């Protein structure tokens, strides 16, 4: 399945919009990692545990969005966007969403 952040796909023709496909996940880190990450706040720098947590959550949200689009019969998702929010200390919500579309089928020669 093609997913793009634009409203069109180069070389493809959108023939039908099926609706909004979305995927979401709330992800948290182990309390031990949360404590160690808190210490990093004192000295500064990247908090690798949280970077990894957000990357993992974004991948899961994307996969869930694609699964929903597939259930809708989509060939692609356009205008894909991500949103995030802090649900509680150490936990974040990631939402992936876009418009599920059908593409014009290309004729074989």
PDB file of N, CA and C in Angstrom:
ATOM      1  N   UNK A   1       0.845  -1.172   0.000  1.00  0.00           N
ATOM      2  CA  UNK A   1       0.000   0.000   0.000  1.00  0.00           C
ATOM      3  C   UNK A   1       0.890   1.235   0.000  1.00  0.00           C
ATOM      4  N   UNK A   2       0.535   2.172  -0.848  1.00  0.00           N
ATOM      5  CA  UNK A   2       1.287   3.425  -0.919  1.00  0.00           C
ATOM      6  C   UNK A   2       0.741   4.385   0.135  1.00  0.00           C
ATOM      7  N   UNK A   3       1.651   5.060   0.834  1.00  0.00           N
ATOM      8  CA  UNK A   3       1.239   6.122   1.740  1.00  0.00           C
ATOM      9  C   UNK A   3       2.106   7.344   1.461  1.00  0.00           C
ATOM     10  N   UNK A   4       1.448   8.492   1.339  1.00  0.00           N
ATOM     11  CA  UNK A   4       2.150   9.729   1.013  1.00  0.00           C
ATOM     12  C   UNK A   4       1.594  10.875   1.853  1.00  0.00           C
ATOM     13  N   UNK A   5       2.408  11.912   2.016  1.00  0.00           N
ATOM     14  CA  UNK A   5       1.968  13.100   2.752  1.00  0.00           C
ATOM     15  C   UNK A   5       1.357  14.145   1.823  1.00  0.00           C
ATOM     16  N   UNK A   6       1.376  13.882   0.538  1.00  0.00           N
ATOM     17  CA  UNK A   6       0.802  14.802  -0.452  1.00  0.00           C
ATOM     18  C   UNK A   6      -0.640  14.397  -0.763  1.00  0.00           C
ATOM     19  N   UNK A   7      -1.354  15.261  -1.477  1.00  0.00           N
ATOM     20  CA  UNK A   7      -2.738  14.929  -1.799  1.00  0.00           C
ATOM     21  C   UNK A   7      -2.882  14.191  -3.126  1.00  0.00           C
ATOM     22  N   UNK A   8      -1.781  13.952  -3.798  1.00  0.00           N
ATOM     23  CA  UNK A   8      -1.772  13.168  -5.026  1.00  0.00           C
ATOM     24  C   UNK A   8      -0.586  12.211  -4.989  1.00  0.00           C
ATOM     25  N   UNK A   9      -0.622  11.236  -5.881  1.00  0.00           N
ATOM     26  CA  UNK A   9       0.494  10.304  -6.029  1.00  0.00           C
ATOM     27  C   UNK A   9       0.958  10.406  -7.472  1.00  0.00           C
ATOM     28  N   UNK A  10       2.204  10.749  -7.667  1.00  0.00           N
ATOM     29  CA  UNK A  10       2.747  10.910  -9.007  1.00  0.00           C
ATOM     30  C   UNK A  10       2.538   9.626  -9.815  1.00  0.00           C
ATOM     31  N   UNK A  11       1.968   9.791 -10.992  1.00  0.00           N
ATOM     32  CA  UNK A  11       1.755   8.654 -11.887  1.00  0.00           C
ATOM     33  C   UNK A  11       0.498   7.850 -11.594  1.00  0.00           C
ATOM     34  N   UNK A  12      -0.289   8.284 -10.614  1.00  0.00           N
ATOM     35  CA  UNK A  12      -1.511   7.559 -10.249  1.00  0.00           C
ATOM     36  C   UNK A  12      -2.703   8.504 -10.325  1.00  0.00           C
ATOM     37  N   UNK A  13      -3.870   7.933 -10.581  1.00  0.00           N
ATOM     38  CA  UNK A  13      -5.108   8.709 -10.595  1.00  0.00           C
ATOM     39  C   UNK A  13      -6.023   8.195  -9.485  1.00  0.00           C
ATOM     40  N   UNK A  14      -6.419   9.097  -8.600  1.00  0.00           N
ATOM     41  CA  UNK A  14      -7.347   8.736  -7.523  1.00  0.00           C
ATOM     42  C   UNK A  14      -8.759   8.759  -8.104  1.00  0.00           C
ATOM     43  N   UNK A  15      -9.471   7.636  -7.940  1.00  0.00           N
ATOM     44  CA  UNK A  15     -10.823   7.555  -8.495  1.00  0.00           C
ATOM     45  C   UNK A  15     -11.901   7.594  -7.412  1.00  0.00           C
ATOM     46  N   UNK A  16     -11.505   7.357  -6.152  1.00  0.00           N
ATOM     47  CA  UNK A  16     -12.501   7.367  -5.083  1.00  0.00           C
ATOM     48  C   UNK A  16     -11.831   7.615  -3.740  1.00  0.00           C
ATOM     49  N   UNK A  17     -12.450   8.478  -2.941  1.00  0.00           N
ATOM     50  CA  UNK A  17     -12.024   8.682  -1.563  1.00  0.00           C
ATOM     51  C   UNK A  17     -12.919   7.828  -0.680  1.00  0.00           C
ATOM     52  N   UNK A  18     -12.303   6.994   0.150  1.00  0.00           N
ATOM     53  CA  UNK A  18     -13.072   6.042   0.960  1.00  0.00           C
ATOM     54  C   UNK A  18     -13.331   6.545   2.377  1.00  0.00           C
ATOM     55  N   UNK A  19     -12.592   7.545   2.807  1.00  0.00           N
ATOM     56  CA  UNK A  19     -12.760   8.063   4.161  1.00  0.00           C
ATOM     57  C   UNK A  19     -11.420   8.166   4.879  1.00  0.00           C
ATOM     58  N   UNK A  20     -11.492   8.561   6.120  1.00  0.00           N
ATOM     59  CA  UNK A  20     -10.275   8.739   6.916  1.00  0.00           C
ATOM     60  C   UNK A  20      -9.863   7.405   7.525  1.00  0.00           C
ATOM     61  N   UNK A  21      -8.617   7.041   7.297  1.00  0.00           N
ATOM     62  CA  UNK A  21      -8.031   5.865   7.938  1.00  0.00           C
ATOM     63  C   UNK A  21      -7.156   6.379   9.066  1.00  0.00           C
ATOM     64  N   UNK A  22      -7.227   5.729  10.216  1.00  0.00           N
ATOM     65  CA  UNK A  22      -6.419   6.188  11.345  1.00  0.00           C
ATOM     66  C   UNK A  22      -5.895   5.005  12.134  1.00  0.00           C
ATOM     67  N   UNK A  23      -4.819   5.277  12.823  1.00  0.00           N
ATOM     68  CA  UNK A  23      -4.230   4.292  13.718  1.00  0.00           C
ATOM     69  C   UNK A  23      -3.665   5.037  14.905  1.00  0.00           C
ATOM     70  N   UNK A  24      -3.846   4.489  16.085  1.00  0.00           N
ATOM     71  CA  UNK A  24      -3.342   5.173  17.266  1.00  0.00           C
ATOM     72  C   UNK A  24      -2.758   4.175  18.248  1.00  0.00           C
ATOM     73  N   UNK A  25      -1.875   4.693  19.071  1.00  0.00           N
ATOM     74  CA  UNK A  25      -1.255   3.870  20.106  1.00  0.00           C
ATOM     75  C   UNK A  25      -0.834   4.783  21.256  1.00  0.00           C
ATOM     76  N   UNK A  26      -0.970   4.268  22.458  1.00  0.00           N
ATOM     77  CA  UNK A  26      -0.428   4.945  23.638  1.00  0.00           C
ATOM     78  C   UNK A  26       0.701   4.059  24.125  1.00  0.00           C
ATOM     79  N   UNK A  27       1.880   4.638  24.205  1.00  0.00           N
ATOM     80  CA  UNK A  27       3.093   3.881  24.512  1.00  0.00           C
ATOM     81  C   UNK A  27       3.756   4.473  25.750  1.00  0.00           C
ATOM     82  N   UNK A  28       4.300   3.593  26.584  1.00  0.00           N
ATOM     83  CA  UNK A  28       5.039   4.070  27.756  1.00  0.00           C
ATOM     84  C   UNK A  28       6.346   3.296  27.868  1.00  0.00           C
ATOM     85  N   UNK A  29       7.225   3.806  28.700  1.00  0.00           N
ATOM     86  CA  UNK A  29       8.509   3.154  28.939  1.00  0.00           C
ATOM     87  C   UNK A  29       8.516   2.549  30.333  1.00  0.00           C
ATOM     88  N   UNK A  30       9.358   1.560  30.512  1.00  0.00           N
ATOM     89  CA  UNK A  30       9.572   0.909  31.809  1.00  0.00           C
ATOM     90  C   UNK A  30       9.995   1.956  32.837  1.00  0.00           C
ATOM     91  N   UNK A  31       9.520   1.845  34.056  1.00  0.00           N
ATOM     92  CA  UNK A  31       9.803   2.851  35.084  1.00  0.00           C
ATOM     93  C   UNK A  31      11.300   3.047  35.317  1.00  0.00           C
ATOM     94  N   UNK A  32      12.081   1.986  35.176  1.00  0.00           N
ATOM     95  CA  UNK A  32      13.537   2.113  35.331  1.00  0.00           C
ATOM     96  C   UNK A  32      14.134   3.009  34.257  1.00  0.00           C
ATOM     97  N   UNK A  33      13.677   2.826  33.026  1.00  0.00           N
ATOM     98  CA  UNK A  33      14.146   3.687  31.937  1.00  0.00           C
ATOM     99  C   UNK A  33      13.654   5.107  32.134  1.00  0.00           C
ATOM    100  N   UNK A  34      12.439   5.257  32.668  1.00  0.00           N
ATOM    101  CA  UNK A  34      11.889   6.579  32.921  1.00  0.00           C
ATOM    102  C   UNK A  34      12.731   7.312  33.963  1.00  0.00           C
ATOM    103  N   UNK A  35      13.157   6.611  34.996  1.00  0.00           N
ATOM    104  CA  UNK A  35      13.988   7.213  36.034  1.00  0.00           C
ATOM    105  C   UNK A  35      15.329   7.662  35.458  1.00  0.00           C
ATOM    106  N   UNK A  36      15.960   6.782  34.691  1.00  0.00           N
ATOM    107  CA  UNK A  36      17.253   7.125  34.087  1.00  0.00           C
ATOM    108  C   UNK A  36      17.112   8.279  33.103  1.00  0.00           C
ATOM    109  N   UNK A  37      15.994   8.326  32.381  1.00  0.00           N
ATOM    110  CA  UNK A  37      15.756   9.428  31.452  1.00  0.00           C
ATOM    111  C   UNK A  37      15.581  10.736  32.202  1.00  0.00           C
ATOM    112  N   UNK A  38      14.973  10.667  33.378  1.00  0.00           N
ATOM    113  CA  UNK A  38      14.822  11.857  34.211  1.00  0.00           C
ATOM    114  C   UNK A  38      16.162  12.428  34.621  1.00  0.00           C
ATOM    115  N   UNK A  39      17.129  11.565  34.882  1.00  0.00           N
ATOM    116  CA  UNK A  39      18.473  12.028  35.212  1.00  0.00           C
ATOM    117  C   UNK A  39      19.109  12.759  34.033  1.00  0.00           C
ATOM    118  N   UNK A  40      18.791  12.340  32.814  1.00  0.00           N
ATOM    119  CA  UNK A  40      19.323  12.967  31.613  1.00  0.00           C
ATOM    120  C   UNK A  40      18.836  14.414  31.502  1.00  0.00           C
ATOM    121  N   UNK A  41      17.645  14.698  32.040  1.00  0.00           N
ATOM    122  CA  UNK A  41      17.127  16.066  32.033  1.00  0.00           C
ATOM    123  C   UNK A  41      18.046  17.024  32.768  1.00  0.00           C
ATOM    124  N   UNK A  42      18.753  16.519  33.753  1.00  0.00           N
ATOM    125  CA  UNK A  42      19.636  17.367  34.553  1.00  0.00           C
ATOM    126  C   UNK A  42      20.840  17.817  33.731  1.00  0.00           C
ATOM    127  N   UNK A  43      21.400  16.908  32.944  1.00  0.00           N
ATOM    128  CA  UNK A  43      22.628  17.223  32.199  1.00  0.00           C
ATOM    129  C   UNK A  43      22.368  17.607  30.744  1.00  0.00           C
ATOM    130  N   UNK A  44      21.180  17.351  30.241  1.00  0.00           N
ATOM    131  CA  UNK A  44      20.850  17.699  28.862  1.00  0.00           C
ATOM    132  C   UNK A  44      21.216  16.598  27.887  1.00  0.00           C
ATOM    133  N   UNK A  45      20.800  16.762  26.647  1.00  0.00           N
ATOM    134  CA  UNK A  45      21.084  15.797  25.593  1.00  0.00           C
ATOM    135  C   UNK A  45      19.868  14.983  25.218  1.00  0.00           C
ATOM    136  N   UNK A  46      20.041  14.154  24.223  1.00  0.00           N
ATOM    137  CA  UNK A  46      18.946  13.323  23.735  1.00  0.00           C
ATOM    138  C   UNK A  46      18.578  12.260  24.760  1.00  0.00           C
ATOM    139  N   UNK A  47      17.298  12.056  24.930  1.00  0.00           N
ATOM    140  CA  UNK A  47      16.805  10.994  25.806  1.00  0.00           C
ATOM    141  C   UNK A  47      16.449   9.826  24.899  1.00  0.00           C
ATOM    142  N   UNK A  48      17.430   8.967  24.681  1.00  0.00           N
ATOM    143  CA  UNK A  48      17.335   7.891  23.693  1.00  0.00           C
ATOM    144  C   UNK A  48      16.145   6.962  23.944  1.00  0.00           C
ATOM    145  N   UNK A  49      15.835   6.678  25.203  1.00  0.00           N
ATOM    146  CA  UNK A  49      14.719   5.778  25.506  1.00  0.00           C
ATOM    147  C   UNK A  49      13.412   6.350  24.981  1.00  0.00           C
ATOM    148  N   UNK A  50      13.239   7.666  25.084  1.00  0.00           N
ATOM    149  CA  UNK A  50      12.011   8.285  24.594  1.00  0.00           C
ATOM    150  C   UNK A  50      12.014   8.393  23.076  1.00  0.00           C
ATOM    151  N   UNK A  51      13.154   8.644  22.478  1.00  0.00           N
ATOM    152  CA  UNK A  51      13.247   8.653  21.018  1.00  0.00           C
ATOM    153  C   UNK A  51      12.832   7.296  20.473  1.00  0.00           C
ATOM    154  N   UNK A  52      13.348   6.236  21.083  1.00  0.00           N
ATOM    155  CA  UNK A  52      13.002   4.876  20.651  1.00  0.00           C
ATOM    156  C   UNK A  52      11.522   4.589  20.878  1.00  0.00           C
ATOM    157  N   UNK A  53      10.983   5.057  22.013  1.00  0.00           N
ATOM    158  CA  UNK A  53       9.577   4.830  22.328  1.00  0.00           C
ATOM    159  C   UNK A  53       8.683   5.489  21.277  1.00  0.00           C
ATOM    160  N   UNK A  54       8.995   6.739  20.918  1.00  0.00           N
ATOM    161  CA  UNK A  54       8.185   7.463  19.943  1.00  0.00           C
ATOM    162  C   UNK A  54       8.296   6.811  18.563  1.00  0.00           C
ATOM    163  N   UNK A  55       9.487   6.390  18.179  1.00  0.00           N
ATOM    164  CA  UNK A  55       9.671   5.723  16.881  1.00  0.00           C
ATOM    165  C   UNK A  55       8.841   4.444  16.829  1.00  0.00           C
ATOM    166  N   UNK A  56       8.897   3.648  17.882  1.00  0.00           N
ATOM    167  CA  UNK A  56       8.133   2.403  17.942  1.00  0.00           C
ATOM    168  C   UNK A  56       6.627   2.687  17.887  1.00  0.00           C
ATOM    169  N   UNK A  57       6.181   3.684  18.633  1.00  0.00           N
ATOM    170  CA  UNK A  57       4.759   4.037  18.642  1.00  0.00           C
ATOM    171  C   UNK A  57       4.313   4.544  17.271  1.00  0.00           C
ATOM    172  N   UNK A  58       5.138   5.351  16.615  1.00  0.00           N
ATOM    173  CA  UNK A  58       4.790   5.864  15.282  1.00  0.00           C
ATOM    174  C   UNK A  58       4.666   4.705  14.284  1.00  0.00           C
ATOM    175  N   UNK A  59       5.578   3.747  14.358  1.00  0.00           N
ATOM    176  CA  UNK A  59       5.511   2.585  13.464  1.00  0.00           C
ATOM    177  C   UNK A  59       4.245   1.769  13.702  1.00  0.00           C
ATOM    178  N   UNK A  60       3.874   1.594  14.972  1.00  0.00           N
ATOM    179  CA  UNK A  60       2.661   0.847  15.299  1.00  0.00           C
ATOM    180  C   UNK A  60       1.419   1.592  14.815  1.00  0.00           C
ATOM    181  N   UNK A  61       1.376   2.913  15.018  1.00  0.00           N
ATOM    182  CA  UNK A  61       0.231   3.712  14.573  1.00  0.00           C
ATOM    183  C   UNK A  61       0.107   3.668  13.050  1.00  0.00           C
ATOM    184  N   UNK A  62       1.239   3.735  12.348  1.00  0.00           N
ATOM    185  CA  UNK A  62       1.227   3.661  10.892  1.00  0.00           C
ATOM    186  C   UNK A  62       0.691   2.315  10.424  1.00  0.00           C
ATOM    187  N   UNK A  63       1.147   1.236  11.047  1.00  0.00           N
ATOM    188  CA  UNK A  63       0.681  -0.103  10.681  1.00  0.00           C
ATOM    189  C   UNK A  63      -0.822  -0.239  10.916  1.00  0.00           C
ATOM    190  N   UNK A  64      -1.316   0.308  12.014  1.00  0.00           N
ATOM    191  CA  UNK A  64      -2.756   0.237  12.307  1.00  0.00           C
ATOM    192  C   UNK A  64      -3.568   1.064  11.313  1.00  0.00           C
ATOM    193  N   UNK A  65      -3.032   2.215  10.905  1.00  0.00           N
ATOM    194  CA  UNK A  65      -3.700   3.044   9.897  1.00  0.00           C
ATOM    195  C   UNK A  65      -3.784   2.270   8.580  1.00  0.00           C
ATOM    196  N   UNK A  66      -2.697   1.619   8.195  1.00  0.00           N
ATOM    197  CA  UNK A  66      -2.674   0.856   6.956  1.00  0.00           C
ATOM    198  C   UNK A  66      -3.645  -0.325   7.015  1.00  0.00           C
ATOM    199  N   UNK A  67      -3.744  -0.978   8.180  1.00  0.00           N
ATOM    200  CA  UNK A  67      -4.689  -2.085   8.342  1.00  0.00           C
ATOM    201  C   UNK A  67      -6.129  -1.594   8.175  1.00  0.00           C
ATOM    202  N   UNK A  68      -6.429  -0.428   8.764  1.00  0.00           N
ATOM    203  CA  UNK A  68      -7.783   0.119   8.638  1.00  0.00           C
ATOM    204  C   UNK A  68      -8.086   0.475   7.182  1.00  0.00           C
ATOM    205  N   UNK A  69      -7.123   1.079   6.495  1.00  0.00           N
ATOM    206  CA  UNK A  69      -7.312   1.425   5.082  1.00  0.00           C
ATOM    207  C   UNK A  69      -7.512   0.166   4.246  1.00  0.00           C
ATOM    208  N   UNK A  70      -6.788  -0.879   4.567  1.00  0.00           N
ATOM    209  CA  UNK A  70      -6.928  -2.151   3.853  1.00  0.00           C
ATOM    210  C   UNK A  70      -8.334  -2.721   4.048  1.00  0.00           C
ATOM    211  N   UNK A  71      -8.854  -2.642   5.268  1.00  0.00           N
ATOM    212  CA  UNK A  71     -10.224  -3.114   5.529  1.00  0.00           C
ATOM    213  C   UNK A  71     -11.250  -2.289   4.750  1.00  0.00           C
ATOM    214  N   UNK A  72     -10.917  -1.040   4.454  1.00  0.00           N
ATOM    215  CA  UNK A  72     -11.816  -0.173   3.683  1.00  0.00           C
ATOM    216  C   UNK A  72     -11.712  -0.453   2.182  1.00  0.00           C
ATOM    217  N   UNK A  73     -10.733  -1.255   1.783  1.00  0.00           N
ATOM    218  CA  UNK A  73     -10.537  -1.572   0.371  1.00  0.00           C
ATOM    219  C   UNK A  73      -9.649  -0.575  -0.354  1.00  0.00           C
ATOM    220  N   UNK A  74      -8.832   0.158   0.389  1.00  0.00           N
ATOM    221  CA  UNK A  74      -7.989   1.201  -0.206  1.00  0.00           C
ATOM    222  C   UNK A  74      -6.762   0.623  -0.905  1.00  0.00           C
ATOM    223  N   UNK A  75      -6.317   1.361  -1.908  1.00  0.00           N
ATOM    224  CA  UNK A  75      -5.057   1.053  -2.584  1.00  0.00           C
ATOM    225  C   UNK A  75      -3.921   1.915  -2.036  1.00  0.00           C
ATOM    226  N   UNK A  76      -4.291   3.052  -1.431  1.00  0.00           N
ATOM    227  CA  UNK A  76      -3.284   4.004  -0.951  1.00  0.00           C
ATOM    228  C   UNK A  76      -3.896   4.899   0.126  1.00  0.00           C
ATOM    229  N   UNK A  77      -3.025   5.626   0.802  1.00  0.00           N
ATOM    230  CA  UNK A  77      -3.457   6.636   1.768  1.00  0.00           C
ATOM    231  C   UNK A  77      -2.713   7.920   1.428  1.00  0.00           C
ATOM    232  N   UNK A  78      -3.470   8.996   1.228  1.00  0.00           N
ATOM    233  CA  UNK A  78      -2.879  10.295   0.906  1.00  0.00           C
ATOM    234  C   UNK A  78      -3.078  11.256   2.078  1.00  0.00           C
ATOM    235  N   UNK A  79      -2.327  12.346   2.038  1.00  0.00           N
ATOM    236  CA  UNK A  79      -2.402  13.375   3.092  1.00  0.00           C
ATOM    237  C   UNK A  79      -2.143  12.804   4.480  1.00  0.00           C
ATOM    238  N   UNK A  80      -1.183  11.904   4.588  1.00  0.00           N
ATOM    239  CA  UNK A  80      -0.884  11.281   5.874  1.00  0.00           C
ATOM    240  C   UNK A  80      -0.283  12.306   6.826  1.00  0.00           C
ATOM    241  N   UNK A  81      -0.779  12.299   8.050  1.00  0.00           N
ATOM    242  CA  UNK A  81      -0.316  13.203   9.098  1.00  0.00           C
ATOM    243  C   UNK A  81      -0.129  12.417  10.388  1.00  0.00           C
ATOM    244  N   UNK A  82       0.687  12.971  11.262  1.00  0.00           N
ATOM    245  CA  UNK A  82       0.916  12.397  12.587  1.00  0.00           C
ATOM    246  C   UNK A  82       0.651  13.456  13.635  1.00  0.00           C
ATOM    247  N   UNK A  83       0.090  13.035  14.744  1.00  0.00           N
ATOM    248  CA  UNK A  83      -0.119  13.921  15.885  1.00  0.00           C
ATOM    249  C   UNK A  83       0.333  13.167  17.126  1.00  0.00           C
ATOM    250  N   UNK A  84       0.818  13.907  18.095  1.00  0.00           N
ATOM    251  CA  UNK A  84       1.229  13.263  19.343  1.00  0.00           C
ATOM    252  C   UNK A  84       0.802  14.119  20.521  1.00  0.00           C
ATOM    253  N   UNK A  85       0.614  13.459  21.630  1.00  0.00           N
ATOM    254  CA  UNK A  85       0.292  14.164  22.862  1.00  0.00           C
ATOM    255  C   UNK A  85       0.788  13.341  24.040  1.00  0.00           C
ATOM    256  N   UNK A  86       1.032  14.025  25.113  1.00  0.00           N
ATOM    257  CA  UNK A  86       1.445  13.363  26.344  1.00  0.00           C
ATOM    258  C   UNK A  86       0.191  12.987  27.113  1.00  0.00           C
ATOM    259  N   UNK A  87       0.031  11.707  27.391  1.00  0.00           N
ATOM    260  CA  UNK A  87      -1.144  11.231  28.099  1.00  0.00           C
ATOM    261  C   UNK A  87      -0.916  11.339  29.609  1.00  0.00           C
ATOM    262  N   UNK A  88       0.288  10.989  30.023  1.00  0.00           N
ATOM    263  CA  UNK A  88       0.721  11.076  31.407  1.00  0.00           C
ATOM    264  C   UNK A  88       2.235  11.040  31.393  1.00  0.00           C
ATOM    265  N   UNK A  89       2.870  11.293  32.496  1.00  0.00           N
ATOM    266  CA  UNK A  89       4.336  11.286  32.499  1.00  0.00           C
ATOM    267  C   UNK A  89       4.850   9.916  32.067  1.00  0.00           C
ATOM    268  N   UNK A  90       5.699   9.929  31.067  1.00  0.00           N
ATOM    269  CA  UNK A  90       6.288   8.691  30.582  1.00  0.00           C
ATOM    270  C   UNK A  90       5.461   7.961  29.543  1.00  0.00           C
ATOM    271  N   UNK A  91       4.304   8.501  29.159  1.00  0.00           N
ATOM    272  CA  UNK A  91       3.459   7.851  28.149  1.00  0.00           C
ATOM    273  C   UNK A  91       3.008   8.883  27.123  1.00  0.00           C
ATOM    274  N   UNK A  92       3.050   8.479  25.860  1.00  0.00           N
ATOM    275  CA  UNK A  92       2.638   9.365  24.774  1.00  0.00           C
ATOM    276  C   UNK A  92       1.655   8.649  23.864  1.00  0.00           C
ATOM    277  N   UNK A  93       0.745   9.438  23.306  1.00  0.00           N
ATOM    278  CA  UNK A  93      -0.179   8.930  22.307  1.00  0.00           C
ATOM    279  C   UNK A  93       0.313   9.406  20.949  1.00  0.00           C
ATOM    280  N   UNK A  94       0.323   8.506  19.990  1.00  0.00           N
ATOM    281  CA  UNK A  94       0.645   8.846  18.616  1.00  0.00           C
ATOM    282  C   UNK A  94      -0.567   8.483  17.768  1.00  0.00           C
ATOM    283  N   UNK A  95      -0.983   9.413  16.921  1.00  0.00           N
ATOM    284  CA  UNK A  95      -2.093   9.196  16.005  1.00  0.00           C
ATOM    285  C   UNK A  95      -1.576   9.393  14.585  1.00  0.00           C
ATOM    286  N   UNK A  96      -1.813   8.412  13.735  1.00  0.00           N
ATOM    287  CA  UNK A  96      -1.500   8.512  12.306  1.00  0.00           C
ATOM    288  C   UNK A  96      -2.838   8.520  11.576  1.00  0.00           C
ATOM    289  N   UNK A  97      -3.003   9.441  10.610  1.00  0.00           N
ATOM    290  CA  UNK A  97      -4.257   9.489   9.879  1.00  0.00           C
ATOM    291  C   UNK A  97      -4.044  10.038   8.480  1.00  0.00           C
ATOM    292  N   UNK A  98      -4.941   9.660   7.592  1.00  0.00           N
ATOM    293  CA  UNK A  98      -4.893  10.122   6.219  1.00  0.00           C
ATOM    294  C   UNK A  98      -6.153   9.692   5.494  1.00  0.00           C
ATOM    295  N   UNK A  99      -6.264  10.065   4.232  1.00  0.00           N
ATOM    296  CA  UNK A  99      -7.440   9.729   3.427  1.00  0.00           C
ATOM    297  C   UNK A  99      -7.175   8.447   2.648  1.00  0.00           C
ATOM    298  N   UNK A 100      -7.988   7.436   2.905  1.00  0.00           N
ATOM    299  CA  UNK A 100      -7.893   6.167   2.183  1.00  0.00           C
ATOM    300  C   UNK A 100      -8.525   6.367   0.805  1.00  0.00           C
ATOM    301  N   UNK A 101      -7.817   5.923  -0.236  1.00  0.00           N
ATOM    302  CA  UNK A 101      -8.299   6.134  -1.608  1.00  0.00           C
ATOM    303  C   UNK A 101      -8.163   4.876  -2.456  1.00  0.00           C
ATOM    304  N   UNK A 102      -8.990   4.831  -3.497  1.00  0.00           N
ATOM    305  CA  UNK A 102      -8.866   3.818  -4.543  1.00  0.00           C
ATOM    306  C   UNK A 102      -8.154   4.482  -5.713  1.00  0.00           C
ATOM    307  N   UNK A 103      -7.265   3.741  -6.346  1.00  0.00           N
ATOM    308  CA  UNK A 103      -6.535   4.239  -7.511  1.00  0.00           C
ATOM    309  C   UNK A 103      -7.082   3.607  -8.780  1.00  0.00           C
ATOM    310  N   UNK A 104      -6.962   4.354  -9.879  1.00  0.00           N
ATOM    311  CA  UNK A 104      -7.370   3.821 -11.183  1.00  0.00           C
ATOM    312  C   UNK A 104      -6.442   2.656 -11.516  1.00  0.00           C
ATOM    313  N   UNK A 105      -7.052   1.560 -11.891  1.00  0.00           N
ATOM    314  CA  UNK A 105      -6.269   0.376 -12.247  1.00  0.00           C
ATOM    315  C   UNK A 105      -5.637   0.568 -13.613  1.00  0.00           C
ATOM    316  N   UNK A 106      -4.351   0.289 -13.703  1.00  0.00           N
ATOM    317  CA  UNK A 106      -3.643   0.421 -14.980  1.00  0.00           C
ATOM    318  C   UNK A 106      -3.881  -0.833 -15.804  1.00  0.00           C
ATOM    319  N   UNK A 107      -4.078  -0.619 -17.094  1.00  0.00           N
ATOM    320  CA  UNK A 107      -4.291  -1.741 -17.998  1.00  0.00           C
ATOM    321  C   UNK A 107      -2.960  -2.343 -18.387  1.00  0.00           C
ATOM    322  N   UNK A 108      -2.934  -3.652 -18.404  1.00  0.00           N
ATOM    323  CA  UNK A 108      -1.732  -4.349 -18.849  1.00  0.00           C
ATOM    324  C   UNK A 108      -1.729  -4.401 -20.361  1.00  0.00           C
ATOM    325  N   UNK A 109      -0.530  -4.279 -20.943  1.00  0.00           N
ATOM    326  CA  UNK A 109      -0.405  -4.297 -22.406  1.00  0.00           C
ATOM    327  C   UNK A 109      -0.181  -5.686 -22.918  1.00  0.00           C
TER     328      UNK A 109
END
